[in-house]
Amino acid sequence: MTSGAAPVPFVLGRGGGDPRRSAPHVARNAEPIAEILRAVLPERGLVLEIASGTGEHALHFARAFPGLTWQPSDPDPVALASIGAWREAAGAANLLAPVQLDAAAEDWPVAAADAILCINMVHISPWSATGGLISGAGRLLPSGAPLVLYGPYRRAGVATAPSNEAFDASLRSRNREWGLRELEAVEAEAKGHGLRFDRLWEMPANNLTLVFRHT
């Protein structure tokens, strides 16, 4: 596993030699996330998704936003095969072939983007992946463009839900470099790369959507 890899929980294979994988949580959160994206994304341009996992989110959003071009990515070859297979089966014209991208790497195979989206990676990867993600957003995004993050976070002065506390303990038992991140630490990292915190949305199942914008 590369340093930017983010294994998707509860991934199921489809069997029969079909490389497409499925994550049950996508059916629950894809449309709530899309509702936020409708208020955040530009009408035209390229959206780079980091750690696309199974590829189901990318396909859902490509269908929901036909005016945008979607570039999925992942460091894991198995995930890349799944993303590619979902793309081929759906035939979505605005969904590009996935690229291998490790968020923690200094060089990315994408030179520019009009928005960057990352779902459920920050807590299931080392902090270096978050730092690399934010650094990459600082390089690729034009002024005013959004970096959108989705997942569970800790917040100063806000009690963490018991389910998130249990999830955090489970993550850390699997890998001591994983775990829920402090929102304030992410915000400070973003500020150091020219990204200002713009807005927070409370989401189902004790998750948050965070939006940062390039200054």
C-alpha atoms as a PDB file:
ATOM      1  CA  MET A   1       0.000   0.000   0.000  1.00  0.00           C
ATOM      2  CA  THR A   2       1.329   3.414  -0.885  1.00  0.00           C
ATOM      3  CA  SER A   3       1.330   6.164   1.683  1.00  0.00           C
ATOM      4  CA  GLY A   4      -1.683   7.836   0.133  1.00  0.00           C
ATOM      5  CA  ALA A   5      -3.831   4.717  -0.071  1.00  0.00           C
ATOM      6  CA  ALA A   6      -7.171   4.764   1.689  1.00  0.00           C
ATOM      7  CA  PRO A   7      -8.787   1.324   1.908  1.00  0.00           C
ATOM      8  CA  VAL A   8     -12.549   1.585   1.558  1.00  0.00           C
ATOM      9  CA  PRO A   9     -14.423  -0.162   4.408  1.00  0.00           C
ATOM     10  CA  PHE A  10     -16.869  -2.959   3.669  1.00  0.00           C
ATOM     11  CA  VAL A  11     -15.960  -3.308  -0.014  1.00  0.00           C
ATOM     12  CA  LEU A  12     -17.623  -6.211  -1.770  1.00  0.00           C
ATOM     13  CA  GLY A  13     -16.488  -7.903  -4.972  1.00  0.00           C
ATOM     14  CA  ARG A  14     -19.092  -8.765  -7.577  1.00  0.00           C
ATOM     15  CA  GLY A  15     -17.591 -12.166  -8.415  1.00  0.00           C
ATOM     16  CA  GLY A  16     -17.440 -13.986 -11.716  1.00  0.00           C
ATOM     17  CA  GLY A  17     -14.265 -12.219 -12.769  1.00  0.00           C
ATOM     18  CA  ASP A  18     -15.998  -8.814 -12.679  1.00  0.00           C
ATOM     19  CA  PRO A  19     -13.434  -6.290 -11.311  1.00  0.00           C
ATOM     20  CA  ARG A  20     -16.133  -3.893 -10.175  1.00  0.00           C
ATOM     21  CA  ARG A  21     -16.258  -3.487  -6.412  1.00  0.00           C
ATOM     22  CA  SER A  22     -19.064  -2.061  -4.322  1.00  0.00           C
ATOM     23  CA  ALA A  23     -19.099  -0.152  -1.029  1.00  0.00           C
ATOM     24  CA  PRO A  24     -22.547  -0.116   0.650  1.00  0.00           C
ATOM     25  CA  HIS A  25     -22.020   3.343   2.160  1.00  0.00           C
ATOM     26  CA  VAL A  26     -21.961   4.893  -1.338  1.00  0.00           C
ATOM     27  CA  ALA A  27     -25.681   4.274  -1.776  1.00  0.00           C
ATOM     28  CA  ARG A  28     -26.302   6.138   1.488  1.00  0.00           C
ATOM     29  CA  ASN A  29     -24.039   9.150   1.079  1.00  0.00           C
ATOM     30  CA  ALA A  30     -23.673   9.800  -2.658  1.00  0.00           C
ATOM     31  CA  GLU A  31     -26.794  11.926  -3.039  1.00  0.00           C
ATOM     32  CA  PRO A  32     -26.349  13.910   0.215  1.00  0.00           C
ATOM     33  CA  ILE A  33     -22.819  14.732  -0.964  1.00  0.00           C
ATOM     34  CA  ALA A  34     -24.140  15.628  -4.427  1.00  0.00           C
ATOM     35  CA  GLU A  35     -26.547  18.105  -2.822  1.00  0.00           C
ATOM     36  CA  ILE A  36     -23.589  19.931  -1.283  1.00  0.00           C
ATOM     37  CA  LEU A  37     -21.628  19.769  -4.529  1.00  0.00           C
ATOM     38  CA  ARG A  38     -24.488  21.491  -6.360  1.00  0.00           C
ATOM     39  CA  ALA A  39     -23.860  24.523  -4.170  1.00  0.00           C
ATOM     40  CA  VAL A  40     -20.069  24.379  -4.398  1.00  0.00           C
ATOM     41  CA  LEU A  41     -18.830  23.221  -7.801  1.00  0.00           C
ATOM     42  CA  PRO A  42     -18.463  25.365 -10.913  1.00  0.00           C
ATOM     43  CA  GLU A  43     -20.831  24.783 -13.822  1.00  0.00           C
ATOM     44  CA  ARG A  44     -17.990  23.737 -16.152  1.00  0.00           C
ATOM     45  CA  GLY A  45     -14.477  22.398 -15.754  1.00  0.00           C
ATOM     46  CA  LEU A  46     -12.589  19.384 -14.438  1.00  0.00           C
ATOM     47  CA  VAL A  47     -13.157  17.842 -11.021  1.00  0.00           C
ATOM     48  CA  LEU A  48     -10.305  15.694  -9.712  1.00  0.00           C
ATOM     49  CA  GLU A  49     -11.402  13.053  -7.222  1.00  0.00           C
ATOM     50  CA  ILE A  50      -8.654  11.789  -4.910  1.00  0.00           C
ATOM     51  CA  ALA A  51      -8.876   8.226  -3.526  1.00  0.00           C
ATOM     52  CA  SER A  52     -11.860   7.252  -5.680  1.00  0.00           C
ATOM     53  CA  GLY A  53     -12.017   3.744  -4.193  1.00  0.00           C
ATOM     54  CA  THR A  54     -14.570   1.572  -5.942  1.00  0.00           C
ATOM     55  CA  GLY A  55     -15.397   4.288  -8.492  1.00  0.00           C
ATOM     56  CA  GLU A  56     -19.088   4.396  -7.602  1.00  0.00           C
ATOM     57  CA  HIS A  57     -18.987   7.977  -6.326  1.00  0.00           C
ATOM     58  CA  ALA A  58     -17.261   9.181  -9.491  1.00  0.00           C
ATOM     59  CA  LEU A  59     -19.906   7.510 -11.650  1.00  0.00           C
ATOM     60  CA  HIS A  60     -22.769   8.920  -9.570  1.00  0.00           C
ATOM     61  CA  PHE A  61     -21.380  12.446  -9.749  1.00  0.00           C
ATOM     62  CA  ALA A  62     -20.547  12.224 -13.450  1.00  0.00           C
ATOM     63  CA  ARG A  63     -24.191  11.416 -14.088  1.00  0.00           C
ATOM     64  CA  ALA A  64     -25.407  14.125 -11.712  1.00  0.00           C
ATOM     65  CA  PHE A  65     -23.159  16.833 -13.196  1.00  0.00           C
ATOM     66  CA  PRO A  66     -23.026  16.302 -16.983  1.00  0.00           C
ATOM     67  CA  GLY A  67     -21.486  19.733 -17.548  1.00  0.00           C
ATOM     68  CA  LEU A  68     -18.375  18.784 -15.579  1.00  0.00           C
ATOM     69  CA  THR A  69     -15.558  16.415 -16.496  1.00  0.00           C
ATOM     70  CA  TRP A  70     -14.715  13.918 -13.748  1.00  0.00           C
ATOM     71  CA  GLN A  71     -11.195  12.621 -13.243  1.00  0.00           C
ATOM     72  CA  PRO A  72     -11.099   9.711 -10.776  1.00  0.00           C
ATOM     73  CA  SER A  73      -7.823   8.590  -9.214  1.00  0.00           C
ATOM     74  CA  ASP A  74      -6.462   6.100  -6.717  1.00  0.00           C
ATOM     75  CA  PRO A  75      -3.067   4.629  -5.786  1.00  0.00           C
ATOM     76  CA  ASP A  76      -4.378   1.045  -5.619  1.00  0.00           C
ATOM     77  CA  PRO A  77      -4.348  -1.054  -8.838  1.00  0.00           C
ATOM     78  CA  VAL A  78      -7.360  -3.056  -7.638  1.00  0.00           C
ATOM     79  CA  ALA A  79      -9.317   0.151  -7.124  1.00  0.00           C
ATOM     80  CA  LEU A  80      -8.217   1.458 -10.516  1.00  0.00           C
ATOM     81  CA  ALA A  81      -9.520  -1.726 -12.160  1.00  0.00           C
ATOM     82  CA  SER A  82     -12.861  -1.307 -10.381  1.00  0.00           C
ATOM     83  CA  ILE A  83     -13.153   2.351 -11.381  1.00  0.00           C
ATOM     84  CA  GLY A  84     -12.317   1.533 -14.988  1.00  0.00           C
ATOM     85  CA  ALA A  85     -14.842  -1.292 -15.102  1.00  0.00           C
ATOM     86  CA  TRP A  86     -17.670   0.863 -13.699  1.00  0.00           C
ATOM     87  CA  ARG A  87     -16.783   3.545 -16.259  1.00  0.00           C
ATOM     88  CA  GLU A  88     -16.797   1.080 -19.149  1.00  0.00           C
ATOM     89  CA  ALA A  89     -20.093  -0.484 -18.094  1.00  0.00           C
ATOM     90  CA  ALA A  90     -21.813   2.894 -17.708  1.00  0.00           C
ATOM     91  CA  GLY A  91     -20.421   4.629 -20.782  1.00  0.00           C
ATOM     92  CA  ALA A  92     -20.507   8.062 -19.132  1.00  0.00           C
ATOM     93  CA  ALA A  93     -18.885  10.414 -21.649  1.00  0.00           C
ATOM     94  CA  ASN A  94     -17.733  12.941 -19.004  1.00  0.00           C
ATOM     95  CA  LEU A  95     -16.071  10.322 -16.777  1.00  0.00           C
ATOM     96  CA  LEU A  96     -12.392   9.985 -17.656  1.00  0.00           C
ATOM     97  CA  ALA A  97     -10.270   6.870 -17.302  1.00  0.00           C
ATOM     98  CA  PRO A  98      -8.796   6.671 -13.785  1.00  0.00           C
ATOM     99  CA  VAL A  99      -5.209   7.689 -13.118  1.00  0.00           C
ATOM    100  CA  GLN A 100      -2.862   6.255 -10.508  1.00  0.00           C
ATOM    101  CA  LEU A 101      -2.284   8.982  -7.956  1.00  0.00           C
ATOM    102  CA  ASP A 102      -0.808   8.802  -4.468  1.00  0.00           C
ATOM    103  CA  ALA A 103      -1.961  11.864  -2.551  1.00  0.00           C
ATOM    104  CA  ALA A 104       1.263  11.918  -0.527  1.00  0.00           C
ATOM    105  CA  ALA A 105       3.467  12.068  -3.630  1.00  0.00           C
ATOM    106  CA  GLU A 106       5.087  15.340  -4.678  1.00  0.00           C
ATOM    107  CA  ASP A 107       4.256  14.841  -8.363  1.00  0.00           C
ATOM    108  CA  TRP A 108       0.708  14.208  -9.529  1.00  0.00           C
ATOM    109  CA  PRO A 109      -0.322  13.018 -13.021  1.00  0.00           C
ATOM    110  CA  VAL A 110      -2.846  15.876 -13.285  1.00  0.00           C
ATOM    111  CA  ALA A 111      -1.555  19.396 -13.948  1.00  0.00           C
ATOM    112  CA  ALA A 112      -4.648  21.459 -13.100  1.00  0.00           C
ATOM    113  CA  ALA A 113      -8.217  21.118 -11.844  1.00  0.00           C
ATOM    114  CA  ASP A 114     -11.211  23.382 -11.311  1.00  0.00           C
ATOM    115  CA  ALA A 115     -12.207  21.525  -8.131  1.00  0.00           C
ATOM    116  CA  ILE A 116     -10.837  18.681  -6.015  1.00  0.00           C
ATOM    117  CA  LEU A 117     -12.997  16.202  -4.123  1.00  0.00           C
ATOM    118  CA  CYS A 118     -11.846  13.669  -1.525  1.00  0.00           C
ATOM    119  CA  ILE A 119     -14.259  11.332   0.251  1.00  0.00           C
ATOM    120  CA  ASN A 120     -13.343   9.195   3.275  1.00  0.00           C
ATOM    121  CA  MET A 121      -9.572   9.287   2.864  1.00  0.00           C
ATOM    122  CA  VAL A 122      -8.291  11.658   5.526  1.00  0.00           C
ATOM    123  CA  HIS A 123      -9.041   9.363   8.479  1.00  0.00           C
ATOM    124  CA  ILE A 124      -8.046   6.103   6.722  1.00  0.00           C
ATOM    125  CA  SER A 125      -4.539   7.127   5.695  1.00  0.00           C
ATOM    126  CA  PRO A 126      -1.408   8.595   7.291  1.00  0.00           C
ATOM    127  CA  TRP A 127      -1.295  12.321   7.952  1.00  0.00           C
ATOM    128  CA  SER A 128       1.228  12.585   5.114  1.00  0.00           C
ATOM    129  CA  ALA A 129      -1.614  11.783   2.699  1.00  0.00           C
ATOM    130  CA  THR A 130      -3.665  14.705   4.036  1.00  0.00           C
ATOM    131  CA  GLY A 131      -0.649  16.980   3.814  1.00  0.00           C
ATOM    132  CA  GLY A 132      -0.009  15.836   0.257  1.00  0.00           C
ATOM    133  CA  LEU A 133      -3.662  16.296  -0.682  1.00  0.00           C
ATOM    134  CA  ILE A 134      -3.695  19.861   0.590  1.00  0.00           C
ATOM    135  CA  SER A 135      -0.335  20.662  -0.975  1.00  0.00           C
ATOM    136  CA  GLY A 136      -1.576  19.286  -4.303  1.00  0.00           C
ATOM    137  CA  ALA A 137      -4.737  21.372  -4.083  1.00  0.00           C
ATOM    138  CA  GLY A 138      -2.586  24.434  -3.497  1.00  0.00           C
ATOM    139  CA  ARG A 139      -0.667  23.672  -6.692  1.00  0.00           C
ATOM    140  CA  LEU A 140      -3.543  22.677  -8.966  1.00  0.00           C
ATOM    141  CA  LEU A 141      -6.484  24.888  -8.047  1.00  0.00           C
ATOM    142  CA  PRO A 142      -7.014  28.411  -9.389  1.00  0.00           C
ATOM    143  CA  SER A 143      -8.104  31.264  -7.144  1.00  0.00           C
ATOM    144  CA  GLY A 144     -11.531  30.677  -5.640  1.00  0.00           C
ATOM    145  CA  ALA A 145     -11.704  27.005  -6.620  1.00  0.00           C
ATOM    146  CA  PRO A 146     -12.885  24.501  -3.991  1.00  0.00           C
ATOM    147  CA  LEU A 147     -11.266  21.592  -2.201  1.00  0.00           C
ATOM    148  CA  VAL A 148     -14.123  19.474  -0.819  1.00  0.00           C
ATOM    149  CA  LEU A 149     -13.515  16.921   1.946  1.00  0.00           C
ATOM    150  CA  TYR A 150     -16.067  14.463   3.340  1.00  0.00           C
ATOM    151  CA  GLY A 151     -15.766  12.242   6.386  1.00  0.00           C
ATOM    152  CA  PRO A 152     -15.735  12.229  10.206  1.00  0.00           C
ATOM    153  CA  TYR A 153     -13.659  14.785  12.116  1.00  0.00           C
ATOM    154  CA  ARG A 154     -13.029  15.977  15.652  1.00  0.00           C
ATOM    155  CA  ARG A 155     -13.830  19.612  16.448  1.00  0.00           C
ATOM    156  CA  ALA A 156     -12.696  21.717  19.374  1.00  0.00           C
ATOM    157  CA  GLY A 157     -15.586  22.347  21.751  1.00  0.00           C
ATOM    158  CA  VAL A 158     -17.875  19.815  20.038  1.00  0.00           C
ATOM    159  CA  ALA A 159     -18.441  16.394  21.597  1.00  0.00           C
ATOM    160  CA  THR A 160     -17.459  13.511  19.314  1.00  0.00           C
ATOM    161  CA  ALA A 161     -20.285  11.038  18.706  1.00  0.00           C
ATOM    162  CA  PRO A 162     -19.782   7.688  20.484  1.00  0.00           C
ATOM    163  CA  SER A 163     -19.930   5.893  17.135  1.00  0.00           C
ATOM    164  CA  ASN A 164     -17.084   8.060  15.841  1.00  0.00           C
ATOM    165  CA  GLU A 165     -15.072   7.454  19.008  1.00  0.00           C
ATOM    166  CA  ALA A 166     -15.454   3.711  18.456  1.00  0.00           C
ATOM    167  CA  PHE A 167     -14.541   4.088  14.788  1.00  0.00           C
ATOM    168  CA  ASP A 168     -11.440   6.070  15.722  1.00  0.00           C
ATOM    169  CA  ALA A 169     -10.342   3.379  18.176  1.00  0.00           C
ATOM    170  CA  SER A 170     -10.877   0.707  15.526  1.00  0.00           C
ATOM    171  CA  LEU A 171      -8.835   2.623  12.967  1.00  0.00           C
ATOM    172  CA  ARG A 172      -5.952   3.193  15.355  1.00  0.00           C
ATOM    173  CA  SER A 173      -5.934  -0.479  16.338  1.00  0.00           C
ATOM    174  CA  ARG A 174      -5.438  -1.366  12.663  1.00  0.00           C
ATOM    175  CA  ASN A 175      -2.819   1.291  11.967  1.00  0.00           C
ATOM    176  CA  ARG A 176      -1.540   3.813  14.496  1.00  0.00           C
ATOM    177  CA  GLU A 177      -1.107   6.381  11.700  1.00  0.00           C
ATOM    178  CA  TRP A 178      -4.852   6.369  10.982  1.00  0.00           C
ATOM    179  CA  GLY A 179      -7.642   8.004  12.946  1.00  0.00           C
ATOM    180  CA  LEU A 180     -10.066  10.918  13.008  1.00  0.00           C
ATOM    181  CA  ARG A 181      -8.300  14.247  12.434  1.00  0.00           C
ATOM    182  CA  GLU A 182      -8.813  17.516  14.241  1.00  0.00           C
ATOM    183  CA  LEU A 183     -10.636  19.965  11.989  1.00  0.00           C
ATOM    184  CA  GLU A 184      -8.411  22.727  13.309  1.00  0.00           C
ATOM    185  CA  ALA A 185      -5.259  20.816  12.279  1.00  0.00           C
ATOM    186  CA  VAL A 186      -6.621  20.353   8.750  1.00  0.00           C
ATOM    187  CA  GLU A 187      -7.548  24.027   8.605  1.00  0.00           C
ATOM    188  CA  ALA A 188      -4.038  25.061   9.705  1.00  0.00           C
ATOM    189  CA  GLU A 189      -2.451  22.786   7.098  1.00  0.00           C
ATOM    190  CA  ALA A 190      -4.708  24.241   4.414  1.00  0.00           C
ATOM    191  CA  LYS A 191      -3.878  27.796   5.393  1.00  0.00           C
ATOM    192  CA  GLY A 192      -0.194  27.039   4.928  1.00  0.00           C
ATOM    193  CA  HIS A 193      -0.874  26.122   1.293  1.00  0.00           C
ATOM    194  CA  GLY A 194      -3.019  29.099   0.357  1.00  0.00           C
ATOM    195  CA  LEU A 195      -6.403  27.538   1.087  1.00  0.00           C
ATOM    196  CA  ARG A 196      -8.919  29.255   3.332  1.00  0.00           C
ATOM    197  CA  PHE A 197     -11.659  27.444   5.226  1.00  0.00           C
ATOM    198  CA  ASP A 198     -14.964  28.403   3.596  1.00  0.00           C
ATOM    199  CA  ARG A 199     -17.830  26.367   5.013  1.00  0.00           C
ATOM    200  CA  LEU A 200     -18.864  23.259   6.936  1.00  0.00           C
ATOM    201  CA  TRP A 201     -21.969  21.123   6.476  1.00  0.00           C
ATOM    202  CA  GLU A 202     -23.266  18.601   9.010  1.00  0.00           C
ATOM    203  CA  MET A 203     -23.941  15.329   7.190  1.00  0.00           C
ATOM    204  CA  PRO A 204     -25.760  12.068   8.024  1.00  0.00           C
ATOM    205  CA  ALA A 205     -24.066   9.450  10.209  1.00  0.00           C
ATOM    206  CA  ASN A 206     -21.960  12.063  12.084  1.00  0.00           C
ATOM    207  CA  ASN A 207     -19.912  13.036   9.046  1.00  0.00           C
ATOM    208  CA  LEU A 208     -18.963  16.496   7.824  1.00  0.00           C
ATOM    209  CA  THR A 209     -18.415  18.099   4.452  1.00  0.00           C
ATOM    210  CA  LEU A 210     -15.650  20.709   4.561  1.00  0.00           C
ATOM    211  CA  VAL A 211     -14.991  23.237   1.812  1.00  0.00           C
ATOM    212  CA  PHE A 212     -11.747  25.128   1.426  1.00  0.00           C
ATOM    213  CA  ARG A 213     -11.081  27.622  -1.348  1.00  0.00           C
ATOM    214  CA  HIS A 214      -7.832  28.694  -2.942  1.00  0.00           C
ATOM    215  CA  THR A 215      -7.053  32.303  -2.101  1.00  0.00           C
END
